[in-house]
Amino acid sequence: MRRALLALMTLAALPLSAQTADEIVSKYVKTIGGMDKLQAVKSVRRSGKFTGGGGFEARVLEEKRRPDQIRQEFSIQGMVGVTAYDGRSGWKIEPWQGKKDPEPLGEEEMKSIVEDSDFDGPLVNYASKGNKVEYAGMEPVEGTDAYKLKVTLKNGDVEYFYMDTDYYVPIKIETQRFVRGEQREYETSLGDYKEVAGVYFPYSSETNAKGSPFKQKISIEKIEVNVALAESRFVEPRVTGQLPAAAPDASNLQPKPPEEKKPPQTEQKKPPVPLTRRFAAPSPDGRGIFLASLLPGEKVAEGRMRGAR
């Protein structure tokens, strides 16, 4: 009896950190619904509101379909920007740049959208995806201890997941990513988990560059699962060009009469003043919008979203 009591006391005295990475991941999967319910979700649509600094707001929509298709939309003042990946190639449309046609994603954009396309996230079935998960001890998040998992993605990026010690869901994610050869770090706080069709999803997230006070918040208002999503939602749309005009039939052409000589003009006519076109674009730091003027044919020199990832 004495030995049993001593064993029980020793077990009770063990710190919360005495867990392996696999145990934490296993409890996480169980908490959010279990593997069967996760796998039963074949598609998901999230819609909500983006809030930046200074009251800047936009509508956001994300659609995902197994195994790795994703479409993200960002809507502001009647303009809808799109970033999408069909499982093979990625593309985007940026109307605030004065562009209506799709164009390929850059290297860093492509890397980011491929990560986002992981339907269940990097923890679920992590080994089969080529990811590595390690237990990295415990660390407080806003005064509360959390399990810390180091996740090394297949592409080499590193993420730290801070898991709640009661429910084993991530409450914070730190991302280390190389952008143009320079390492950048971001923080994302997750919360407001709610159940949809037996699976729990976070409805709130806040993201900022590490150490920066400027945060961007996404508040999800609605999540739908197993919605019908057409393949065309993810595939880059074709740009329909004008067909070349048919060559005229030479047999039907009539000879042109000789041109009459016109007296030289004494004064040149001035060309019409080109019209300017004004458009709204997300402000660089997420704290509002600004307007840019363009002449027809000019390219946008500025107008990209600053601070948005």
C-alpha atoms as a PDB file:
ATOM      1  CA  MET A   1       0.000   0.000   0.000  1.00  0.00           C
ATOM      2  CA  ARG A   2       2.826   2.360   0.909  1.00  0.00           C
ATOM      3  CA  ARG A   3       4.473   1.769  -2.470  1.00  0.00           C
ATOM      4  CA  ALA A   4       1.175   2.390  -4.289  1.00  0.00           C
ATOM      5  CA  LEU A   5       0.660   5.693  -2.455  1.00  0.00           C
ATOM      6  CA  LEU A   6       4.210   6.803  -3.228  1.00  0.00           C
ATOM      7  CA  ALA A   7       3.717   5.948  -6.917  1.00  0.00           C
ATOM      8  CA  LEU A   8       0.436   7.891  -7.014  1.00  0.00           C
ATOM      9  CA  MET A   9       2.029  10.906  -5.332  1.00  0.00           C
ATOM     10  CA  THR A  10       4.925  10.822  -7.764  1.00  0.00           C
ATOM     11  CA  LEU A  11       2.547  10.660 -10.733  1.00  0.00           C
ATOM     12  CA  ALA A  12       0.518  13.576  -9.418  1.00  0.00           C
ATOM     13  CA  ALA A  13       3.677  15.621  -8.937  1.00  0.00           C
ATOM     14  CA  LEU A  14       4.767  15.232 -12.550  1.00  0.00           C
ATOM     15  CA  PRO A  15       4.698  18.550 -14.407  1.00  0.00           C
ATOM     16  CA  LEU A  16       2.342  19.160 -17.283  1.00  0.00           C
ATOM     17  CA  SER A  17       5.333  19.067 -19.613  1.00  0.00           C
ATOM     18  CA  ALA A  18       5.706  15.299 -19.244  1.00  0.00           C
ATOM     19  CA  GLN A  19       3.983  14.652 -22.555  1.00  0.00           C
ATOM     20  CA  THR A  20       5.326  13.780 -25.964  1.00  0.00           C
ATOM     21  CA  ALA A  21       4.614  15.662 -29.155  1.00  0.00           C
ATOM     22  CA  ASP A  22       2.597  12.737 -30.503  1.00  0.00           C
ATOM     23  CA  GLU A  23       0.445  12.628 -27.362  1.00  0.00           C
ATOM     24  CA  ILE A  24      -0.343  16.330 -27.642  1.00  0.00           C
ATOM     25  CA  VAL A  25      -1.161  16.072 -31.356  1.00  0.00           C
ATOM     26  CA  SER A  26      -3.326  13.007 -30.709  1.00  0.00           C
ATOM     27  CA  LYS A  27      -5.313  14.853 -28.016  1.00  0.00           C
ATOM     28  CA  TYR A  28      -5.659  17.857 -30.309  1.00  0.00           C
ATOM     29  CA  VAL A  29      -7.177  15.706 -33.069  1.00  0.00           C
ATOM     30  CA  LYS A  30      -9.544  14.105 -30.569  1.00  0.00           C
ATOM     31  CA  THR A  31     -10.617  17.477 -29.149  1.00  0.00           C
ATOM     32  CA  ILE A  32     -11.525  19.041 -32.480  1.00  0.00           C
ATOM     33  CA  GLY A  33     -13.680  16.077 -33.486  1.00  0.00           C
ATOM     34  CA  GLY A  34     -11.571  13.006 -34.143  1.00  0.00           C
ATOM     35  CA  MET A  35     -10.016  11.716 -37.329  1.00  0.00           C
ATOM     36  CA  ASP A  36     -13.229  10.212 -38.717  1.00  0.00           C
ATOM     37  CA  LYS A  37     -15.158  13.484 -38.531  1.00  0.00           C
ATOM     38  CA  LEU A  38     -12.209  15.430 -39.882  1.00  0.00           C
ATOM     39  CA  GLN A  39     -11.942  13.156 -42.898  1.00  0.00           C
ATOM     40  CA  ALA A  40     -15.695  13.389 -43.467  1.00  0.00           C
ATOM     41  CA  VAL A  41     -15.292  17.095 -44.246  1.00  0.00           C
ATOM     42  CA  LYS A  42     -14.472  17.304 -47.951  1.00  0.00           C
ATOM     43  CA  SER A  43     -14.871  21.049 -48.431  1.00  0.00           C
ATOM     44  CA  VAL A  44     -15.220  24.148 -46.279  1.00  0.00           C
ATOM     45  CA  ARG A  45     -16.225  27.767 -46.865  1.00  0.00           C
ATOM     46  CA  ARG A  46     -15.381  30.515 -44.366  1.00  0.00           C
ATOM     47  CA  SER A  47     -16.710  34.048 -44.665  1.00  0.00           C
ATOM     48  CA  GLY A  48     -16.180  37.018 -42.414  1.00  0.00           C
ATOM     49  CA  LYS A  49     -14.615  40.419 -41.869  1.00  0.00           C
ATOM     50  CA  PHE A  50     -11.062  41.692 -42.001  1.00  0.00           C
ATOM     51  CA  THR A  51     -10.144  44.588 -39.699  1.00  0.00           C
ATOM     52  CA  GLY A  52      -6.891  46.507 -39.921  1.00  0.00           C
ATOM     53  CA  GLY A  53      -5.649  49.580 -38.131  1.00  0.00           C
ATOM     54  CA  GLY A  54      -7.589  52.824 -38.129  1.00  0.00           C
ATOM     55  CA  GLY A  55     -10.930  51.094 -38.683  1.00  0.00           C
ATOM     56  CA  PHE A  56      -9.994  49.743 -42.124  1.00  0.00           C
ATOM     57  CA  GLU A  57     -12.395  46.897 -42.975  1.00  0.00           C
ATOM     58  CA  ALA A  58     -12.892  44.433 -45.815  1.00  0.00           C
ATOM     59  CA  ARG A  59     -14.827  41.254 -46.493  1.00  0.00           C
ATOM     60  CA  VAL A  60     -12.965  37.970 -46.687  1.00  0.00           C
ATOM     61  CA  LEU A  61     -13.912  34.586 -48.092  1.00  0.00           C
ATOM     62  CA  GLU A  62     -11.935  31.355 -48.113  1.00  0.00           C
ATOM     63  CA  GLU A  63     -12.942  28.137 -49.860  1.00  0.00           C
ATOM     64  CA  LYS A  64     -10.995  24.876 -49.575  1.00  0.00           C
ATOM     65  CA  ARG A  65     -11.499  21.480 -51.135  1.00  0.00           C
ATOM     66  CA  ARG A  66      -9.603  18.281 -50.493  1.00  0.00           C
ATOM     67  CA  PRO A  67      -6.882  17.477 -50.957  1.00  0.00           C
ATOM     68  CA  ASP A  68      -5.178  20.830 -51.559  1.00  0.00           C
ATOM     69  CA  GLN A  69      -7.306  23.338 -53.459  1.00  0.00           C
ATOM     70  CA  ILE A  70      -7.905  26.796 -52.032  1.00  0.00           C
ATOM     71  CA  ARG A  71      -9.403  30.131 -53.057  1.00  0.00           C
ATOM     72  CA  GLN A  72      -9.119  33.321 -50.973  1.00  0.00           C
ATOM     73  CA  GLU A  73     -11.041  36.512 -51.730  1.00  0.00           C
ATOM     74  CA  PHE A  74     -10.536  40.012 -50.332  1.00  0.00           C
ATOM     75  CA  SER A  75     -13.326  42.497 -51.092  1.00  0.00           C
ATOM     76  CA  ILE A  76     -13.229  46.249 -50.625  1.00  0.00           C
ATOM     77  CA  GLN A  77     -15.263  49.050 -52.206  1.00  0.00           C
ATOM     78  CA  GLY A  78     -16.739  46.763 -54.844  1.00  0.00           C
ATOM     79  CA  MET A  79     -13.380  45.300 -55.868  1.00  0.00           C
ATOM     80  CA  VAL A  80     -12.670  41.606 -55.288  1.00  0.00           C
ATOM     81  CA  GLY A  81      -9.095  40.379 -55.179  1.00  0.00           C
ATOM     82  CA  VAL A  82      -8.486  36.651 -55.599  1.00  0.00           C
ATOM     83  CA  THR A  83      -5.613  34.351 -54.707  1.00  0.00           C
ATOM     84  CA  ALA A  84      -6.067  30.683 -55.581  1.00  0.00           C
ATOM     85  CA  TYR A  85      -4.288  27.355 -55.967  1.00  0.00           C
ATOM     86  CA  ASP A  86      -5.678  24.374 -57.866  1.00  0.00           C
ATOM     87  CA  GLY A  87      -3.229  21.793 -56.513  1.00  0.00           C
ATOM     88  CA  ARG A  88      -0.711  22.440 -59.284  1.00  0.00           C
ATOM     89  CA  SER A  89      -0.425  26.148 -59.973  1.00  0.00           C
ATOM     90  CA  GLY A  90      -1.337  29.380 -58.208  1.00  0.00           C
ATOM     91  CA  TRP A  91      -2.745  32.633 -59.574  1.00  0.00           C
ATOM     92  CA  LYS A  92      -4.135  35.974 -58.440  1.00  0.00           C
ATOM     93  CA  ILE A  93      -6.229  38.928 -59.529  1.00  0.00           C
ATOM     94  CA  GLU A  94      -5.469  42.332 -58.001  1.00  0.00           C
ATOM     95  CA  PRO A  95      -8.081  44.892 -59.082  1.00  0.00           C
ATOM     96  CA  TRP A  96      -6.663  47.615 -56.815  1.00  0.00           C
ATOM     97  CA  GLN A  97      -3.584  47.429 -59.039  1.00  0.00           C
ATOM     98  CA  GLY A  98      -5.771  48.231 -62.023  1.00  0.00           C
ATOM     99  CA  LYS A  99      -5.558  44.607 -63.145  1.00  0.00           C
ATOM    100  CA  LYS A 100      -8.595  42.545 -64.081  1.00  0.00           C
ATOM    101  CA  ASP A 101      -6.848  39.551 -65.623  1.00  0.00           C
ATOM    102  CA  PRO A 102      -5.289  36.696 -63.628  1.00  0.00           C
ATOM    103  CA  GLU A 103      -1.528  36.412 -63.337  1.00  0.00           C
ATOM    104  CA  PRO A 104       0.810  33.803 -61.812  1.00  0.00           C
ATOM    105  CA  LEU A 105       1.858  34.025 -58.185  1.00  0.00           C
ATOM    106  CA  GLY A 106       5.382  35.032 -57.274  1.00  0.00           C
ATOM    107  CA  GLU A 107       7.711  32.597 -55.558  1.00  0.00           C
ATOM    108  CA  GLU A 108       6.928  33.724 -52.002  1.00  0.00           C
ATOM    109  CA  GLU A 109       3.206  34.027 -52.718  1.00  0.00           C
ATOM    110  CA  MET A 110       3.206  30.512 -54.110  1.00  0.00           C
ATOM    111  CA  LYS A 111       4.981  29.171 -51.046  1.00  0.00           C
ATOM    112  CA  SER A 112       2.411  30.795 -48.770  1.00  0.00           C
ATOM    113  CA  ILE A 113      -0.676  29.594 -50.668  1.00  0.00           C
ATOM    114  CA  VAL A 114       0.629  26.012 -50.766  1.00  0.00           C
ATOM    115  CA  GLU A 115       0.958  26.104 -46.970  1.00  0.00           C
ATOM    116  CA  ASP A 116      -2.565  27.503 -46.658  1.00  0.00           C
ATOM    117  CA  SER A 117      -3.936  24.771 -48.919  1.00  0.00           C
ATOM    118  CA  ASP A 118      -3.169  22.050 -46.349  1.00  0.00           C
ATOM    119  CA  PHE A 119      -6.778  21.126 -45.609  1.00  0.00           C
ATOM    120  CA  ASP A 120      -6.322  19.886 -42.018  1.00  0.00           C
ATOM    121  CA  GLY A 121      -3.277  21.941 -41.109  1.00  0.00           C
ATOM    122  CA  PRO A 122       0.331  20.848 -40.555  1.00  0.00           C
ATOM    123  CA  LEU A 123      -0.289  18.858 -37.334  1.00  0.00           C
ATOM    124  CA  VAL A 124      -2.790  16.310 -38.658  1.00  0.00           C
ATOM    125  CA  ASN A 125      -0.975  13.357 -40.280  1.00  0.00           C
ATOM    126  CA  TYR A 126       2.164  15.468 -40.109  1.00  0.00           C
ATOM    127  CA  ALA A 127       4.640  12.653 -40.823  1.00  0.00           C
ATOM    128  CA  SER A 128       2.963  11.645 -44.098  1.00  0.00           C
ATOM    129  CA  LYS A 129       3.164  15.287 -45.231  1.00  0.00           C
ATOM    130  CA  GLY A 130       6.887  15.444 -44.618  1.00  0.00           C
ATOM    131  CA  ASN A 131       6.535  17.683 -41.565  1.00  0.00           C
ATOM    132  CA  LYS A 132       8.407  17.201 -38.306  1.00  0.00           C
ATOM    133  CA  VAL A 133       6.850  17.912 -34.893  1.00  0.00           C
ATOM    134  CA  GLU A 134       8.909  18.197 -31.695  1.00  0.00           C
ATOM    135  CA  TYR A 135       7.945  18.986 -28.131  1.00  0.00           C
ATOM    136  CA  ALA A 136       9.715  22.206 -27.090  1.00  0.00           C
ATOM    137  CA  GLY A 137       8.649  22.539 -23.443  1.00  0.00           C
ATOM    138  CA  MET A 138       6.140  24.918 -21.935  1.00  0.00           C
ATOM    139  CA  GLU A 139       5.814  28.640 -22.330  1.00  0.00           C
ATOM    140  CA  PRO A 140       3.249  31.155 -21.057  1.00  0.00           C
ATOM    141  CA  VAL A 141       0.815  32.782 -23.482  1.00  0.00           C
ATOM    142  CA  GLU A 142      -0.798  35.885 -21.967  1.00  0.00           C
ATOM    143  CA  GLY A 143      -0.010  34.577 -18.489  1.00  0.00           C
ATOM    144  CA  THR A 144      -1.238  31.013 -19.052  1.00  0.00           C
ATOM    145  CA  ASP A 145       1.082  28.056 -19.574  1.00  0.00           C
ATOM    146  CA  ALA A 146       0.874  26.322 -22.931  1.00  0.00           C
ATOM    147  CA  TYR A 147       2.535  23.315 -24.546  1.00  0.00           C
ATOM    148  CA  LYS A 148       4.992  24.448 -27.202  1.00  0.00           C
ATOM    149  CA  LEU A 149       5.419  22.365 -30.353  1.00  0.00           C
ATOM    150  CA  LYS A 150       8.107  23.069 -32.928  1.00  0.00           C
ATOM    151  CA  VAL A 151       6.772  22.232 -36.387  1.00  0.00           C
ATOM    152  CA  THR A 152       9.283  22.087 -39.226  1.00  0.00           C
ATOM    153  CA  LEU A 153       7.397  22.069 -42.506  1.00  0.00           C
ATOM    154  CA  LYS A 154       8.494  20.117 -45.536  1.00  0.00           C
ATOM    155  CA  ASN A 155       9.578  23.347 -47.248  1.00  0.00           C
ATOM    156  CA  GLY A 156      11.867  24.263 -44.341  1.00  0.00           C
ATOM    157  CA  ASP A 157       9.718  26.945 -42.688  1.00  0.00           C
ATOM    158  CA  VAL A 158       9.371  26.645 -38.912  1.00  0.00           C
ATOM    159  CA  GLU A 159       6.202  27.222 -36.901  1.00  0.00           C
ATOM    160  CA  TYR A 160       5.733  27.101 -33.146  1.00  0.00           C
ATOM    161  CA  PHE A 161       2.295  25.962 -31.999  1.00  0.00           C
ATOM    162  CA  TYR A 162       1.259  26.914 -28.465  1.00  0.00           C
ATOM    163  CA  MET A 163      -1.363  24.406 -27.346  1.00  0.00           C
ATOM    164  CA  ASP A 164      -3.895  24.966 -24.579  1.00  0.00           C
ATOM    165  CA  THR A 165      -3.180  22.609 -21.653  1.00  0.00           C
ATOM    166  CA  ASP A 166      -6.863  21.816 -21.053  1.00  0.00           C
ATOM    167  CA  TYR A 167      -8.253  21.371 -24.568  1.00  0.00           C
ATOM    168  CA  TYR A 168      -5.056  20.890 -26.601  1.00  0.00           C
ATOM    169  CA  VAL A 169      -6.062  23.326 -29.321  1.00  0.00           C
ATOM    170  CA  PRO A 170      -3.609  25.928 -30.667  1.00  0.00           C
ATOM    171  CA  ILE A 171      -4.072  29.357 -29.115  1.00  0.00           C
ATOM    172  CA  LYS A 172      -1.030  30.957 -30.726  1.00  0.00           C
ATOM    173  CA  ILE A 173       1.189  30.212 -33.729  1.00  0.00           C
ATOM    174  CA  GLU A 174       4.576  31.789 -34.401  1.00  0.00           C
ATOM    175  CA  THR A 175       5.842  31.505 -37.980  1.00  0.00           C
ATOM    176  CA  GLN A 176       9.406  31.911 -39.201  1.00  0.00           C
ATOM    177  CA  ARG A 177       9.583  32.375 -42.947  1.00  0.00           C
ATOM    178  CA  PHE A 178      12.347  33.360 -45.332  1.00  0.00           C
ATOM    179  CA  VAL A 179      11.231  36.118 -47.699  1.00  0.00           C
ATOM    180  CA  ARG A 180      13.751  37.123 -50.369  1.00  0.00           C
ATOM    181  CA  GLY A 181      16.515  35.552 -48.316  1.00  0.00           C
ATOM    182  CA  GLU A 182      15.527  37.398 -45.136  1.00  0.00           C
ATOM    183  CA  GLN A 183      13.894  35.699 -42.163  1.00  0.00           C
ATOM    184  CA  ARG A 184      10.624  37.241 -41.035  1.00  0.00           C
ATOM    185  CA  GLU A 185       8.555  36.295 -38.023  1.00  0.00           C
ATOM    186  CA  TYR A 186       4.809  36.543 -37.548  1.00  0.00           C
ATOM    187  CA  GLU A 187       2.430  35.818 -34.683  1.00  0.00           C
ATOM    188  CA  THR A 188      -1.154  34.613 -34.950  1.00  0.00           C
ATOM    189  CA  SER A 189      -3.503  34.312 -31.980  1.00  0.00           C
ATOM    190  CA  LEU A 190      -6.472  31.946 -32.341  1.00  0.00           C
ATOM    191  CA  GLY A 191      -9.681  31.736 -30.337  1.00  0.00           C
ATOM    192  CA  ASP A 192     -13.464  31.489 -30.213  1.00  0.00           C
ATOM    193  CA  TYR A 193     -13.599  27.817 -31.219  1.00  0.00           C
ATOM    194  CA  LYS A 194     -17.030  26.650 -32.345  1.00  0.00           C
ATOM    195  CA  GLU A 195     -18.399  23.328 -33.568  1.00  0.00           C
ATOM    196  CA  VAL A 196     -19.645  22.826 -37.124  1.00  0.00           C
ATOM    197  CA  ALA A 197     -20.758  19.350 -38.214  1.00  0.00           C
ATOM    198  CA  GLY A 198     -18.873  17.747 -35.351  1.00  0.00           C
ATOM    199  CA  VAL A 199     -15.589  19.583 -36.002  1.00  0.00           C
ATOM    200  CA  TYR A 200     -14.291  22.584 -34.037  1.00  0.00           C
ATOM    201  CA  PHE A 201     -12.926  25.611 -35.925  1.00  0.00           C
ATOM    202  CA  PRO A 202     -11.411  28.877 -34.625  1.00  0.00           C
ATOM    203  CA  TYR A 203     -13.641  31.828 -35.494  1.00  0.00           C
ATOM    204  CA  SER A 204     -11.178  34.544 -34.489  1.00  0.00           C
ATOM    205  CA  SER A 205      -7.561  35.211 -35.443  1.00  0.00           C
ATOM    206  CA  GLU A 206      -5.184  38.146 -35.016  1.00  0.00           C
ATOM    207  CA  THR A 207      -1.909  38.399 -36.941  1.00  0.00           C
ATOM    208  CA  ASN A 208       1.033  40.774 -36.689  1.00  0.00           C
ATOM    209  CA  ALA A 209       4.714  40.905 -37.451  1.00  0.00           C
ATOM    210  CA  LYS A 210       6.503  39.795 -34.290  1.00  0.00           C
ATOM    211  CA  GLY A 211       7.059  42.762 -32.036  1.00  0.00           C
ATOM    212  CA  SER A 212       4.756  45.043 -34.027  1.00  0.00           C
ATOM    213  CA  PRO A 213       1.736  46.640 -32.313  1.00  0.00           C
ATOM    214  CA  PHE A 214      -0.210  46.733 -35.584  1.00  0.00           C
ATOM    215  CA  LYS A 215      -2.542  43.742 -35.748  1.00  0.00           C
ATOM    216  CA  GLN A 216      -4.875  42.495 -38.426  1.00  0.00           C
ATOM    217  CA  LYS A 217      -7.958  40.655 -37.235  1.00  0.00           C
ATOM    218  CA  ILE A 218     -10.189  38.229 -39.074  1.00  0.00           C
ATOM    219  CA  SER A 219     -13.587  37.556 -37.515  1.00  0.00           C
ATOM    220  CA  ILE A 220     -15.307  34.573 -39.100  1.00  0.00           C
ATOM    221  CA  GLU A 221     -19.078  34.961 -39.240  1.00  0.00           C
ATOM    222  CA  LYS A 222     -20.052  31.741 -40.997  1.00  0.00           C
ATOM    223  CA  ILE A 223     -18.469  28.360 -41.706  1.00  0.00           C
ATOM    224  CA  GLU A 224     -20.075  25.850 -44.080  1.00  0.00           C
ATOM    225  CA  VAL A 225     -18.782  22.336 -44.619  1.00  0.00           C
ATOM    226  CA  ASN A 226     -19.251  19.945 -47.514  1.00  0.00           C
ATOM    227  CA  VAL A 227     -20.500  22.691 -49.788  1.00  0.00           C
ATOM    228  CA  ALA A 228     -20.459  22.118 -53.544  1.00  0.00           C
ATOM    229  CA  LEU A 229     -17.388  23.894 -54.929  1.00  0.00           C
ATOM    230  CA  ALA A 230     -16.854  23.757 -58.680  1.00  0.00           C
ATOM    231  CA  GLU A 231     -13.395  23.018 -60.056  1.00  0.00           C
ATOM    232  CA  SER A 232     -13.531  26.358 -61.858  1.00  0.00           C
ATOM    233  CA  ARG A 233     -13.366  28.160 -58.503  1.00  0.00           C
ATOM    234  CA  PHE A 234      -9.728  27.135 -58.177  1.00  0.00           C
ATOM    235  CA  VAL A 235      -8.479  26.909 -61.765  1.00  0.00           C
ATOM    236  CA  GLU A 236      -7.027  30.034 -63.348  1.00  0.00           C
ATOM    237  CA  PRO A 237      -9.657  31.509 -65.696  1.00  0.00           C
ATOM    238  CA  ARG A 238      -8.738  31.905 -69.336  1.00  0.00           C
ATOM    239  CA  VAL A 239      -8.413  35.387 -70.717  1.00  0.00           C
ATOM    240  CA  THR A 240     -10.505  35.544 -73.902  1.00  0.00           C
ATOM    241  CA  GLY A 241      -8.592  37.548 -76.493  1.00  0.00           C
ATOM    242  CA  GLN A 242      -9.963  39.013 -79.670  1.00  0.00           C
ATOM    243  CA  LEU A 243      -9.849  36.690 -82.659  1.00  0.00           C
ATOM    244  CA  PRO A 244      -7.750  37.980 -85.572  1.00  0.00           C
ATOM    245  CA  ALA A 245      -9.834  39.450 -88.359  1.00  0.00           C
ATOM    246  CA  ALA A 246     -10.134  37.299 -91.479  1.00  0.00           C
ATOM    247  CA  ALA A 247      -7.946  38.404 -94.393  1.00  0.00           C
ATOM    248  CA  PRO A 248     -10.022  40.119 -97.130  1.00  0.00           C
ATOM    249  CA  ASP A 249     -10.646  38.332-100.409  1.00  0.00           C
ATOM    250  CA  ALA A 250      -8.370  40.036-102.947  1.00  0.00           C
ATOM    251  CA  SER A 251     -10.716  39.144-105.811  1.00  0.00           C
ATOM    252  CA  ASN A 252     -13.393  41.397-104.351  1.00  0.00           C
ATOM    253  CA  LEU A 253     -11.167  44.374-103.691  1.00  0.00           C
ATOM    254  CA  GLN A 254     -11.679  47.459-105.820  1.00  0.00           C
ATOM    255  CA  PRO A 255      -8.710  49.652-106.739  1.00  0.00           C
ATOM    256  CA  LYS A 256      -8.473  52.781-104.606  1.00  0.00           C
ATOM    257  CA  PRO A 257      -8.940  56.094-106.425  1.00  0.00           C
ATOM    258  CA  PRO A 258      -5.871  58.332-106.432  1.00  0.00           C
ATOM    259  CA  GLU A 259      -5.645  60.447-103.309  1.00  0.00           C
ATOM    260  CA  GLU A 260      -6.287  64.119-103.701  1.00  0.00           C
ATOM    261  CA  LYS A 261      -3.517  66.369-102.573  1.00  0.00           C
ATOM    262  CA  LYS A 262      -4.541  68.383 -99.557  1.00  0.00           C
ATOM    263  CA  PRO A 263      -3.103  71.773 -98.754  1.00  0.00           C
ATOM    264  CA  PRO A 264      -0.676  71.700 -95.847  1.00  0.00           C
ATOM    265  CA  GLN A 265      -2.168  72.504 -92.484  1.00  0.00           C
ATOM    266  CA  THR A 266      -1.034  75.767 -91.045  1.00  0.00           C
ATOM    267  CA  GLU A 267      -1.745  74.739 -87.463  1.00  0.00           C
ATOM    268  CA  GLN A 268      -1.422  71.324 -85.854  1.00  0.00           C
ATOM    269  CA  LYS A 269      -4.326  70.073 -83.879  1.00  0.00           C
ATOM    270  CA  LYS A 270      -3.547  69.315 -80.251  1.00  0.00           C
ATOM    271  CA  PRO A 271      -4.210  65.756 -79.122  1.00  0.00           C
ATOM    272  CA  PRO A 272      -7.067  65.347 -76.680  1.00  0.00           C
ATOM    273  CA  VAL A 273      -6.100  65.370 -73.009  1.00  0.00           C
ATOM    274  CA  PRO A 274      -6.126  61.770 -71.762  1.00  0.00           C
ATOM    275  CA  LEU A 275      -8.634  60.980 -69.059  1.00  0.00           C
ATOM    276  CA  THR A 276      -7.373  59.873 -65.697  1.00  0.00           C
ATOM    277  CA  ARG A 277      -8.816  56.906 -63.858  1.00  0.00           C
ATOM    278  CA  ARG A 278      -8.963  56.847 -60.086  1.00  0.00           C
ATOM    279  CA  PHE A 279      -9.123  53.673 -58.075  1.00  0.00           C
ATOM    280  CA  ALA A 280      -9.053  52.723 -54.424  1.00  0.00           C
ATOM    281  CA  ALA A 281      -6.433  50.375 -53.026  1.00  0.00           C
ATOM    282  CA  PRO A 282      -5.762  48.927 -49.568  1.00  0.00           C
ATOM    283  CA  SER A 283      -3.365  51.178 -47.741  1.00  0.00           C
ATOM    284  CA  PRO A 284       0.156  49.902 -47.184  1.00  0.00           C
ATOM    285  CA  ASP A 285      -0.085  49.597 -43.427  1.00  0.00           C
ATOM    286  CA  GLY A 286      -3.693  48.466 -43.208  1.00  0.00           C
ATOM    287  CA  ARG A 287      -4.786  51.761 -41.653  1.00  0.00           C
ATOM    288  CA  GLY A 288      -7.034  53.012 -44.410  1.00  0.00           C
ATOM    289  CA  ILE A 289      -7.144  53.409 -48.174  1.00  0.00           C
ATOM    290  CA  PHE A 290      -5.595  55.821 -50.578  1.00  0.00           C
ATOM    291  CA  LEU A 291      -6.376  56.856 -54.114  1.00  0.00           C
ATOM    292  CA  ALA A 292      -4.028  56.709 -57.078  1.00  0.00           C
ATOM    293  CA  SER A 293      -4.454  58.327 -60.465  1.00  0.00           C
ATOM    294  CA  LEU A 294      -3.457  56.537 -63.651  1.00  0.00           C
ATOM    295  CA  LEU A 295      -3.309  57.480 -67.260  1.00  0.00           C
ATOM    296  CA  PRO A 296      -4.541  54.853 -69.708  1.00  0.00           C
ATOM    297  CA  GLY A 297      -1.821  52.276 -70.250  1.00  0.00           C
ATOM    298  CA  GLU A 298       0.221  53.227 -67.189  1.00  0.00           C
ATOM    299  CA  LYS A 299       1.162  50.583 -64.688  1.00  0.00           C
ATOM    300  CA  VAL A 300       0.480  50.900 -60.992  1.00  0.00           C
ATOM    301  CA  ALA A 301       3.659  51.926 -59.242  1.00  0.00           C
ATOM    302  CA  GLU A 302       2.125  51.829 -55.798  1.00  0.00           C
ATOM    303  CA  GLY A 303      -0.996  50.442 -54.163  1.00  0.00           C
ATOM    304  CA  ARG A 304      -0.010  47.066 -52.749  1.00  0.00           C
ATOM    305  CA  MET A 305      -1.192  46.173 -49.314  1.00  0.00           C
ATOM    306  CA  ARG A 306       1.497  46.951 -46.766  1.00  0.00           C
ATOM    307  CA  GLY A 307       1.635  44.869 -43.679  1.00  0.00           C
ATOM    308  CA  ALA A 308      -0.805  42.280 -45.079  1.00  0.00           C
ATOM    309  CA  ARG A 309       0.468  38.741 -45.395  1.00  0.00           C
END
